[in-house]
Amino acid sequence: MPQTTGVLPPTFDRADGHAVFPQTDHDETARMNFLTGLNVHIGRTLSPGVRITYENRVKPKLEKAMREKANGGPTTSATDIRKAMLHDTYYQQWGALRRNTQEASQQASREIALRQVDALSAKAANLNEGRNTLSLDDSLTIPAYQAAVDNHLMPGSYYTEAVPGDVTAAATYEISLFPIGGASFGAKGDGGGRAMANFVRDRFPDLKPKRILDIGGGIGGNTLPLAAAYPDADVTVIDTAAPMLRYGHARAQSMGHSNVSFMQGLAETVDIEPGSVDLIVSVMFWHETSTKTVRDALAHMHSLLAPGGVMLHLEQPNFDDDTPVFERFMRDWDAYYNNEPFWPKLHTLDMFQAMEDAGFDKDKLFDAGTEADIEPGRFQPWSTIVTRHRHETKDLGDTGRKLSALGGYKGERWWLFGGRK
């Protein structure tokens, strides 16, 4: 693996813009660069200290306290570790710095977008005018699992509109990916979509999809690589947030993708003809939904798939019986301090059983692992692994553990799972 300690990530000017991409002045660019570098420093240099602190200062005291309980023993839970770590000064400083950097990244991105609210909305409206590939539903109610929190501390979340026809929530989201992800998603922020397109073509060479759905696809950043991979397919982005869809549609138009439409709707009820879809995908969608929605949406997706159709999802890896308790503690951090309340439940949910319950044949389920596929030539080749989240991916160590009996995941940053109908 390339050496990354002390290496700075790509700078914000390397991001690949488009007609509705927010413009930044000198100070705004410098601020984004600083926050990107700080996030990488926290993840690559400071985060390993949390484990060292736990092993040397917190764990011995915690296990002693557990043994002294009336019915206790050395076994601890992720909750026990979190409560004990709250009293450690290193963890306090690391956690505060990580939380404040996340907030600062979101706020800086939001300020850039709001400064251009009228210009961005006008650009999007001009690109969207006269097109029949953008479908919004004014009657749609934002589901409680989104309305209850501002996911990952994004001010106003995905759906808030400051002015009629607003797209600044989407612009905020797109540019915030750069500092928050340590620029690890690529110049277009589409590293996940590119990886999924590669996987589908390699794993299912016989699949020639005529209709593709991206569930919770937002601005379509990860959708467009699939649209490029299958130019003869009709590709639809499904999302609940109108600002994301307006912006995403304009973005796709400006980037020359004529086979992509954007539709407002819910994953669990979207009105599409059953049996008419050949490929359904999602990228980092499930951790922002409730458990009930997971089950309802999977069942609905099964009904939408045509015979032989494929469903594929990209997420952070779930826990299994072998997941170390310290790893559980670290990977649940966002649930408590980054407005991701559904992660703990999702991390323990048996997605293979959930897919079976939704109607998928057990013998046609699969999983695999992937890293972001970074477009050649724009970023340094090591950019994909310089990220705040790298330390949170599943630690297989020397045991050869695998997430499921299917055996496809081997410790990569992202987990792919799905089924064929």
Protein backbone atom coordinates (compact mmCIF):
# COMPACT_ATOMS: atom_id res chain seq x y z
CA MET A 1 0.00 0.00 0.00
CA PRO A 2 1.37 3.48 -0.83
CA GLN A 3 2.65 5.52 2.09
CA THR A 4 0.11 8.19 2.99
CA THR A 5 1.09 9.48 6.43
CA GLY A 6 1.90 13.17 6.15
CA VAL A 7 0.87 13.37 2.49
CA LEU A 8 -1.59 16.13 1.65
CA PRO A 9 -4.79 15.26 -0.24
CA PRO A 10 -5.69 16.86 -3.59
CA THR A 11 -6.62 20.53 -3.46
CA PHE A 12 -10.14 21.83 -4.07
CA ASP A 13 -9.21 23.38 -7.41
CA ARG A 14 -8.76 19.81 -8.70
CA ALA A 15 -12.49 19.13 -8.30
CA ASP A 16 -14.17 18.69 -11.67
CA GLY A 17 -16.79 21.41 -12.00
CA HIS A 18 -19.79 21.78 -14.29
CA ALA A 19 -22.32 24.46 -15.21
CA VAL A 20 -24.03 24.54 -11.79
CA PHE A 21 -20.98 23.83 -9.65
CA PRO A 22 -20.54 26.68 -7.13
CA GLN A 23 -17.69 29.09 -7.76
CA THR A 24 -15.21 29.80 -4.97
CA ASP A 25 -12.99 32.79 -4.36
CA HIS A 26 -9.43 32.61 -3.02
CA ASP A 27 -10.38 32.52 0.66
CA GLU A 28 -13.15 29.97 0.18
CA THR A 29 -10.81 27.67 -1.74
CA ALA A 30 -8.16 28.01 0.95
CA ARG A 31 -10.72 27.18 3.63
CA MET A 32 -11.84 24.05 1.77
CA ASN A 33 -8.22 22.96 1.36
CA PHE A 34 -7.53 23.46 5.05
CA LEU A 35 -10.60 21.49 6.10
CA THR A 36 -9.79 18.68 3.67
CA GLY A 37 -6.27 18.41 5.01
CA LEU A 38 -7.48 18.56 8.60
CA ASN A 39 -9.98 15.76 8.03
CA VAL A 40 -7.25 13.60 6.52
CA HIS A 41 -4.93 14.40 9.44
CA ILE A 42 -7.62 13.41 11.94
CA GLY A 43 -8.29 10.13 10.17
CA ARG A 44 -4.76 9.05 9.25
CA THR A 45 -2.64 10.48 12.08
CA LEU A 46 -4.84 11.12 15.11
CA SER A 47 -7.41 8.33 14.91
CA PRO A 48 -4.93 5.49 15.52
CA GLY A 49 -4.24 7.15 18.87
CA VAL A 50 -7.78 6.36 19.97
CA ARG A 51 -6.99 2.63 19.84
CA ILE A 52 -3.67 3.17 21.63
CA THR A 53 -5.44 5.17 24.33
CA TYR A 54 -8.08 2.49 24.74
CA GLU A 55 -5.65 -0.43 24.91
CA ASN A 56 -3.27 1.25 27.37
CA ARG A 57 -5.38 3.54 29.52
CA VAL A 58 -9.06 2.70 29.28
CA LYS A 59 -9.33 -1.04 28.66
CA PRO A 60 -7.47 -2.17 31.82
CA LYS A 61 -9.68 0.01 34.04
CA LEU A 62 -12.84 -1.01 32.21
CA GLU A 63 -12.15 -4.73 32.44
CA LYS A 64 -11.27 -4.39 36.12
CA ALA A 65 -14.58 -2.61 36.74
CA MET A 66 -16.47 -5.29 34.80
CA ARG A 67 -14.86 -8.08 36.86
CA GLU A 68 -15.83 -6.31 40.05
CA LYS A 69 -19.51 -6.26 39.12
CA ALA A 70 -21.67 -8.80 40.89
CA ASN A 71 -22.42 -10.69 37.68
CA GLY A 72 -19.66 -9.20 35.65
CA GLY A 73 -16.71 -10.46 33.67
CA PRO A 74 -14.13 -9.21 31.21
CA THR A 75 -16.61 -9.09 28.31
CA THR A 76 -17.48 -5.54 27.29
CA SER A 77 -19.82 -4.00 24.72
CA ALA A 78 -19.33 -1.07 22.34
CA THR A 79 -21.57 0.96 24.65
CA ASP A 80 -19.34 0.13 27.64
CA ILE A 81 -16.30 1.31 25.68
CA ARG A 82 -17.98 4.53 24.58
CA LYS A 83 -19.02 5.41 28.12
CA ALA A 84 -15.54 4.69 29.45
CA MET A 85 -13.79 6.59 26.65
CA LEU A 86 -15.87 9.70 27.32
CA HIS A 87 -13.69 10.33 30.39
CA ASP A 88 -10.38 10.07 28.52
CA THR A 89 -8.77 13.38 27.54
CA TYR A 90 -7.28 12.12 24.25
CA TYR A 91 -10.64 10.78 23.12
CA GLN A 92 -12.36 13.99 24.19
CA GLN A 93 -9.96 16.11 22.13
CA TRP A 94 -10.08 13.76 19.13
CA GLY A 95 -13.89 13.59 19.21
CA ALA A 96 -14.30 17.35 19.59
CA LEU A 97 -11.88 18.03 16.76
CA ARG A 98 -13.58 15.52 14.49
CA ARG A 99 -17.06 16.85 15.26
CA ASN A 100 -16.02 20.49 14.88
CA THR A 101 -14.25 19.78 11.59
CA GLN A 102 -17.36 18.09 10.26
CA GLU A 103 -19.48 21.07 11.27
CA ALA A 104 -16.99 23.53 9.82
CA SER A 105 -16.88 21.62 6.52
CA GLN A 106 -20.65 21.67 6.24
CA GLN A 107 -20.94 25.31 7.24
CA ALA A 108 -18.21 26.44 4.86
CA SER A 109 -19.88 24.56 2.01
CA ARG A 110 -23.29 25.99 2.90
CA GLU A 111 -21.95 29.55 2.98
CA ILE A 112 -20.41 29.13 -0.47
CA ALA A 113 -23.68 27.84 -1.90
CA LEU A 114 -25.92 30.43 -0.21
CA ARG A 115 -23.73 33.27 -1.43
CA GLN A 116 -24.74 32.19 -4.95
CA VAL A 117 -28.32 31.13 -4.27
CA ASP A 118 -29.91 33.22 -7.02
CA ALA A 119 -27.27 32.49 -9.64
CA LEU A 120 -27.26 28.75 -8.96
CA SER A 121 -31.06 28.51 -9.03
CA ALA A 122 -31.19 30.47 -12.27
CA LYS A 123 -28.56 28.27 -13.93
CA ALA A 124 -30.40 25.12 -12.88
CA ALA A 125 -33.76 26.48 -14.03
CA ASN A 126 -32.30 27.37 -17.43
CA LEU A 127 -30.85 23.89 -17.93
CA ASN A 128 -34.04 22.20 -16.72
CA GLU A 129 -36.51 24.31 -18.69
CA GLY A 130 -38.47 22.46 -21.34
CA ARG A 131 -37.19 19.03 -20.32
CA ASN A 132 -39.49 16.12 -19.56
CA THR A 133 -36.83 14.22 -17.63
CA LEU A 134 -37.38 15.98 -14.29
CA SER A 135 -40.47 14.95 -12.31
CA LEU A 136 -41.20 16.64 -8.96
CA ASP A 137 -44.09 15.90 -6.60
CA ASP A 138 -45.17 18.85 -4.47
CA SER A 139 -47.47 16.58 -2.45
CA LEU A 140 -44.70 14.27 -1.26
CA THR A 141 -44.08 14.40 2.49
CA ILE A 142 -40.47 14.12 3.57
CA PRO A 143 -40.31 10.84 5.56
CA ALA A 144 -39.68 11.01 9.29
CA TYR A 145 -36.36 9.18 8.98
CA GLN A 146 -35.06 12.18 7.01
CA ALA A 147 -37.02 15.01 8.61
CA ALA A 148 -35.97 14.11 12.16
CA VAL A 149 -32.29 15.02 11.73
CA ASP A 150 -29.92 16.96 9.53
CA ASN A 151 -28.00 13.95 8.27
CA HIS A 152 -24.23 14.13 8.79
CA LEU A 153 -24.70 17.67 10.20
CA MET A 154 -25.64 19.14 6.80
CA PRO A 155 -27.58 22.35 7.64
CA GLY A 156 -31.17 21.89 6.55
CA SER A 157 -30.43 18.41 5.23
CA TYR A 158 -31.16 17.56 1.60
CA TYR A 159 -34.64 19.00 1.22
CA THR A 160 -34.64 22.53 2.72
CA GLU A 161 -35.42 25.33 0.25
CA ALA A 162 -34.35 28.89 1.01
CA VAL A 163 -36.04 30.34 -2.09
CA PRO A 164 -38.42 28.96 -4.74
CA GLY A 165 -36.56 26.61 -7.06
CA ASP A 166 -33.66 26.41 -4.63
CA VAL A 167 -30.73 24.08 -5.36
CA THR A 168 -28.28 25.21 -2.67
CA ALA A 169 -28.85 22.14 -0.48
CA ALA A 170 -27.61 20.03 -3.38
CA ALA A 171 -24.71 22.36 -4.14
CA THR A 172 -23.76 22.25 -0.46
CA TYR A 173 -23.82 18.47 -0.53
CA GLU A 174 -21.68 18.16 -3.64
CA ILE A 175 -18.86 20.46 -2.59
CA SER A 176 -18.92 19.23 1.04
CA LEU A 177 -17.98 15.74 -0.21
CA PHE A 178 -14.51 17.09 -0.90
CA PRO A 179 -13.40 18.11 2.62
CA ILE A 180 -15.53 15.54 4.46
CA GLY A 181 -14.27 12.62 2.37
CA GLY A 182 -10.71 13.85 2.19
CA ALA A 183 -11.18 14.15 -1.59
CA SER A 184 -11.30 10.34 -1.71
CA PHE A 185 -14.41 10.14 -3.91
CA GLY A 186 -12.63 11.52 -6.96
CA ALA A 187 -12.74 14.74 -8.94
CA LYS A 188 -16.42 14.28 -9.81
CA GLY A 189 -17.34 12.67 -6.49
CA ASP A 190 -18.33 9.57 -8.44
CA GLY A 191 -15.82 7.00 -7.19
CA GLY A 192 -18.58 4.78 -5.80
CA GLY A 193 -20.61 4.84 -9.00
CA ARG A 194 -17.58 4.07 -11.14
CA ALA A 195 -16.75 1.11 -8.88
CA MET A 196 -20.31 -0.20 -9.13
CA ALA A 197 -20.34 0.12 -12.91
CA ASN A 198 -17.11 -1.87 -13.06
CA PHE A 199 -18.52 -4.55 -10.78
CA VAL A 200 -21.76 -4.99 -12.75
CA ARG A 201 -19.94 -5.27 -16.06
CA ASP A 202 -17.44 -7.78 -14.65
CA ARG A 203 -19.84 -9.87 -12.56
CA PHE A 204 -22.84 -9.84 -14.93
CA PRO A 205 -21.46 -9.55 -18.48
CA ASP A 206 -24.73 -10.95 -19.83
CA LEU A 207 -26.76 -8.13 -18.28
CA LYS A 208 -27.78 -5.57 -20.89
CA PRO A 209 -30.08 -3.32 -18.87
CA LYS A 210 -32.68 -1.28 -20.68
CA ARG A 211 -33.91 0.38 -17.49
CA ILE A 212 -31.83 1.30 -14.43
CA LEU A 213 -32.97 2.84 -11.13
CA ASP A 214 -30.68 4.58 -8.65
CA ILE A 215 -32.52 4.66 -5.32
CA GLY A 216 -31.74 7.69 -3.15
CA GLY A 217 -29.42 8.85 -5.91
CA GLY A 218 -29.60 12.54 -4.98
CA ILE A 219 -27.66 14.68 -7.46
CA GLY A 220 -26.85 11.64 -9.60
CA GLY A 221 -23.14 11.80 -8.94
CA ASN A 222 -22.86 8.03 -8.72
CA THR A 223 -25.56 7.48 -11.33
CA LEU A 224 -23.78 9.04 -14.28
CA PRO A 225 -21.01 6.38 -14.45
CA LEU A 226 -23.75 3.78 -14.88
CA ALA A 227 -25.42 5.93 -17.53
CA ALA A 228 -22.09 6.12 -19.33
CA ALA A 229 -21.50 2.39 -18.98
CA TYR A 230 -24.94 1.61 -20.42
CA PRO A 231 -25.70 4.45 -22.87
CA ASP A 232 -28.68 2.59 -24.38
CA ALA A 233 -30.43 2.28 -21.01
CA ASP A 234 -33.06 4.61 -19.57
CA VAL A 235 -31.62 5.62 -16.19
CA THR A 236 -33.76 7.11 -13.41
CA VAL A 237 -32.65 8.72 -10.16
CA ILE A 238 -35.19 8.37 -7.34
CA ASP A 239 -34.94 10.74 -4.38
CA THR A 240 -37.19 12.51 -1.86
CA ALA A 241 -35.55 15.95 -2.03
CA ALA A 242 -36.55 18.42 -4.74
CA PRO A 243 -33.39 20.58 -4.46
CA MET A 244 -31.21 17.51 -5.07
CA LEU A 245 -33.25 16.51 -8.11
CA ARG A 246 -33.33 19.99 -9.65
CA TYR A 247 -29.59 20.35 -9.25
CA GLY A 248 -28.83 16.79 -10.30
CA HIS A 249 -30.91 17.07 -13.44
CA ALA A 250 -29.23 20.34 -14.40
CA ARG A 251 -25.84 18.81 -13.61
CA ALA A 252 -26.52 15.81 -15.85
CA GLN A 253 -27.74 18.04 -18.66
CA SER A 254 -24.63 20.21 -18.47
CA MET A 255 -22.42 17.12 -18.55
CA GLY A 256 -24.11 15.75 -21.66
CA HIS A 257 -26.07 12.83 -20.20
CA SER A 258 -29.34 12.66 -22.10
CA ASN A 259 -30.42 9.19 -20.93
CA VAL A 260 -30.91 10.10 -17.24
CA SER A 261 -34.17 11.29 -15.66
CA PHE A 262 -34.78 12.47 -12.09
CA MET A 263 -37.94 11.54 -10.19
CA GLN A 264 -39.17 12.54 -6.73
CA GLY A 265 -40.45 9.60 -4.72
CA LEU A 266 -39.89 7.15 -1.88
CA ALA A 267 -37.83 3.99 -2.29
CA GLU A 268 -40.55 1.92 -0.63
CA THR A 269 -43.47 3.19 -2.72
CA VAL A 270 -42.14 4.77 -5.93
CA ASP A 271 -44.71 4.36 -8.69
CA ILE A 272 -42.97 2.34 -11.39
CA GLU A 273 -44.36 -0.60 -13.33
CA PRO A 274 -43.57 -3.89 -11.56
CA GLY A 275 -41.16 -6.17 -13.37
CA SER A 276 -39.88 -3.38 -15.64
CA VAL A 277 -36.41 -2.65 -14.21
CA ASP A 278 -33.25 -4.54 -15.12
CA LEU A 279 -30.82 -2.98 -12.62
CA ILE A 280 -31.49 -1.30 -9.26
CA VAL A 281 -28.61 0.31 -7.38
CA SER A 282 -27.98 2.53 -4.37
CA VAL A 283 -24.90 4.19 -2.88
CA MET A 284 -24.75 4.85 0.88
CA PHE A 285 -28.54 4.94 1.09
CA TRP A 286 -29.51 2.39 3.74
CA HIS A 287 -27.77 3.99 6.72
CA GLU A 288 -30.09 7.00 6.43
CA THR A 289 -33.33 5.01 6.58
CA SER A 290 -35.27 3.22 9.29
CA THR A 291 -35.31 -0.55 9.71
CA LYS A 292 -38.94 -0.66 8.55
CA THR A 293 -37.99 1.25 5.41
CA VAL A 294 -35.16 -1.20 4.73
CA ARG A 295 -37.59 -4.10 4.72
CA ASP A 296 -40.35 -2.29 2.80
CA ALA A 297 -37.95 -0.89 0.20
CA LEU A 298 -36.26 -4.23 -0.44
CA ALA A 299 -39.63 -5.86 -1.04
CA HIS A 300 -40.64 -3.06 -3.39
CA MET A 301 -37.36 -3.33 -5.29
CA HIS A 302 -37.91 -7.07 -5.73
CA SER A 303 -41.31 -6.35 -7.24
CA LEU A 304 -39.85 -3.76 -9.64
CA LEU A 305 -37.10 -6.04 -10.98
CA ALA A 306 -37.61 -7.92 -14.21
CA PRO A 307 -36.78 -11.64 -14.27
CA GLY A 308 -33.00 -11.90 -14.37
CA GLY A 309 -32.67 -8.34 -13.09
CA VAL A 310 -29.96 -7.38 -10.62
CA MET A 311 -30.11 -5.36 -7.39
CA LEU A 312 -26.80 -3.96 -6.10
CA HIS A 313 -26.09 -1.73 -3.09
CA LEU A 314 -22.93 -0.05 -1.80
CA GLU A 315 -22.62 0.64 1.92
CA GLN A 316 -20.19 0.57 4.79
CA PRO A 317 -19.67 -3.04 5.91
CA ASN A 318 -22.02 -4.41 8.55
CA PHE A 319 -20.88 -6.19 11.70
CA ASP A 320 -20.69 -9.94 11.99
CA ASP A 321 -20.05 -12.31 14.90
CA ASP A 322 -16.30 -11.80 14.57
CA THR A 323 -16.32 -8.00 14.52
CA PRO A 324 -14.12 -6.83 17.42
CA VAL A 325 -15.92 -4.79 20.04
CA PHE A 326 -13.52 -1.85 19.65
CA GLU A 327 -14.24 -1.76 15.93
CA ARG A 328 -17.97 -1.65 16.66
CA PHE A 329 -17.38 1.29 18.97
CA MET A 330 -15.37 3.21 16.37
CA ARG A 331 -17.73 2.59 13.47
CA ASP A 332 -20.78 3.62 15.48
CA TRP A 333 -19.21 7.00 16.35
CA ASP A 334 -21.23 8.82 13.67
CA ALA A 335 -24.49 7.68 15.22
CA TYR A 336 -23.81 9.69 18.35
CA TYR A 337 -21.90 12.69 17.01
CA ASN A 338 -22.61 13.02 13.28
CA ASN A 339 -26.41 12.76 13.07
CA GLU A 340 -26.46 9.21 11.69
CA PRO A 341 -28.88 7.60 14.17
CA PHE A 342 -29.71 4.52 12.07
CA TRP A 343 -26.17 3.21 11.74
CA PRO A 344 -26.07 1.05 14.90
CA LYS A 345 -29.20 -0.84 13.89
CA LEU A 346 -28.11 -1.21 10.28
CA HIS A 347 -24.66 -2.42 11.33
CA THR A 348 -26.27 -5.37 13.12
CA LEU A 349 -28.98 -6.10 10.55
CA ASP A 350 -28.64 -9.33 8.58
CA MET A 351 -29.07 -7.89 5.09
CA PHE A 352 -28.97 -11.33 3.50
CA GLN A 353 -31.90 -12.48 5.58
CA ALA A 354 -33.67 -9.19 4.83
CA MET A 355 -33.20 -9.78 1.10
CA GLU A 356 -34.52 -13.32 1.45
CA ASP A 357 -37.53 -12.00 3.36
CA ALA A 358 -38.11 -9.53 0.50
CA GLY A 359 -38.44 -12.41 -1.95
CA PHE A 360 -34.91 -12.93 -3.27
CA ASP A 361 -33.63 -16.48 -3.75
CA LYS A 362 -30.90 -17.27 -1.21
CA ASP A 363 -28.82 -18.95 -3.92
CA LYS A 364 -28.85 -15.77 -6.02
CA LEU A 365 -27.54 -13.41 -3.33
CA PHE A 366 -23.97 -12.12 -3.45
CA ASP A 367 -21.55 -9.74 -1.80
CA ALA A 368 -18.16 -8.25 -2.56
CA GLY A 369 -15.86 -5.45 -1.51
CA THR A 370 -14.60 -2.45 -3.43
CA GLU A 371 -12.57 0.72 -3.17
CA ALA A 372 -13.51 3.97 -4.86
CA ASP A 373 -12.56 3.99 -8.54
CA ILE A 374 -10.76 7.29 -9.07
CA GLU A 375 -10.80 8.71 -12.58
CA PRO A 376 -7.21 8.57 -13.93
CA GLY A 377 -5.29 11.78 -14.37
CA ARG A 378 -7.16 14.13 -12.05
CA PHE A 379 -5.99 13.07 -8.59
CA GLN A 380 -2.93 11.38 -7.17
CA PRO A 381 -3.31 7.57 -7.39
CA TRP A 382 -3.34 7.20 -3.61
CA SER A 383 -6.29 9.57 -3.17
CA THR A 384 -8.80 6.77 -2.74
CA ILE A 385 -7.26 5.67 0.58
CA VAL A 386 -6.55 9.06 2.13
CA THR A 387 -9.80 9.54 3.98
CA ARG A 388 -11.27 10.11 7.38
CA HIS A 389 -13.22 6.86 7.19
CA ARG A 390 -10.37 4.51 6.32
CA HIS A 391 -9.74 3.52 9.95
CA GLU A 392 -13.40 2.54 10.34
CA THR A 393 -13.57 -0.12 7.65
CA LYS A 394 -13.73 -3.72 8.74
CA ASP A 395 -10.47 -4.97 10.21
CA LEU A 396 -9.92 -8.54 9.02
CA GLY A 397 -6.46 -8.72 10.56
CA ASP A 398 -4.77 -12.08 10.03
CA THR A 399 -7.84 -14.19 10.70
CA GLY A 400 -9.28 -14.21 7.19
CA ARG A 401 -12.72 -13.34 8.56
CA LYS A 402 -15.40 -12.49 6.03
CA LEU A 403 -18.60 -10.55 6.43
CA SER A 404 -20.84 -13.36 5.22
CA ALA A 405 -20.80 -16.99 4.28
CA LEU A 406 -20.91 -15.80 0.68
CA GLY A 407 -17.32 -14.73 1.13
CA GLY A 408 -17.04 -11.85 -1.30
CA TYR A 409 -15.99 -9.10 1.13
CA LYS A 410 -12.35 -9.11 2.24
CA GLY A 411 -11.86 -5.87 4.13
CA GLU A 412 -12.23 -3.26 1.42
CA ARG A 413 -13.45 0.22 2.26
CA TRP A 414 -16.95 -0.35 0.88
CA TRP A 415 -19.25 -3.33 0.88
CA LEU A 416 -21.30 -4.38 -2.14
CA PHE A 417 -24.29 -6.67 -1.68
CA GLY A 418 -27.35 -7.64 -3.65
CA GLY A 419 -29.23 -10.32 -5.49
CA ARG A 420 -30.49 -11.44 -8.87
CA LYS A 421 -34.14 -12.15 -9.47
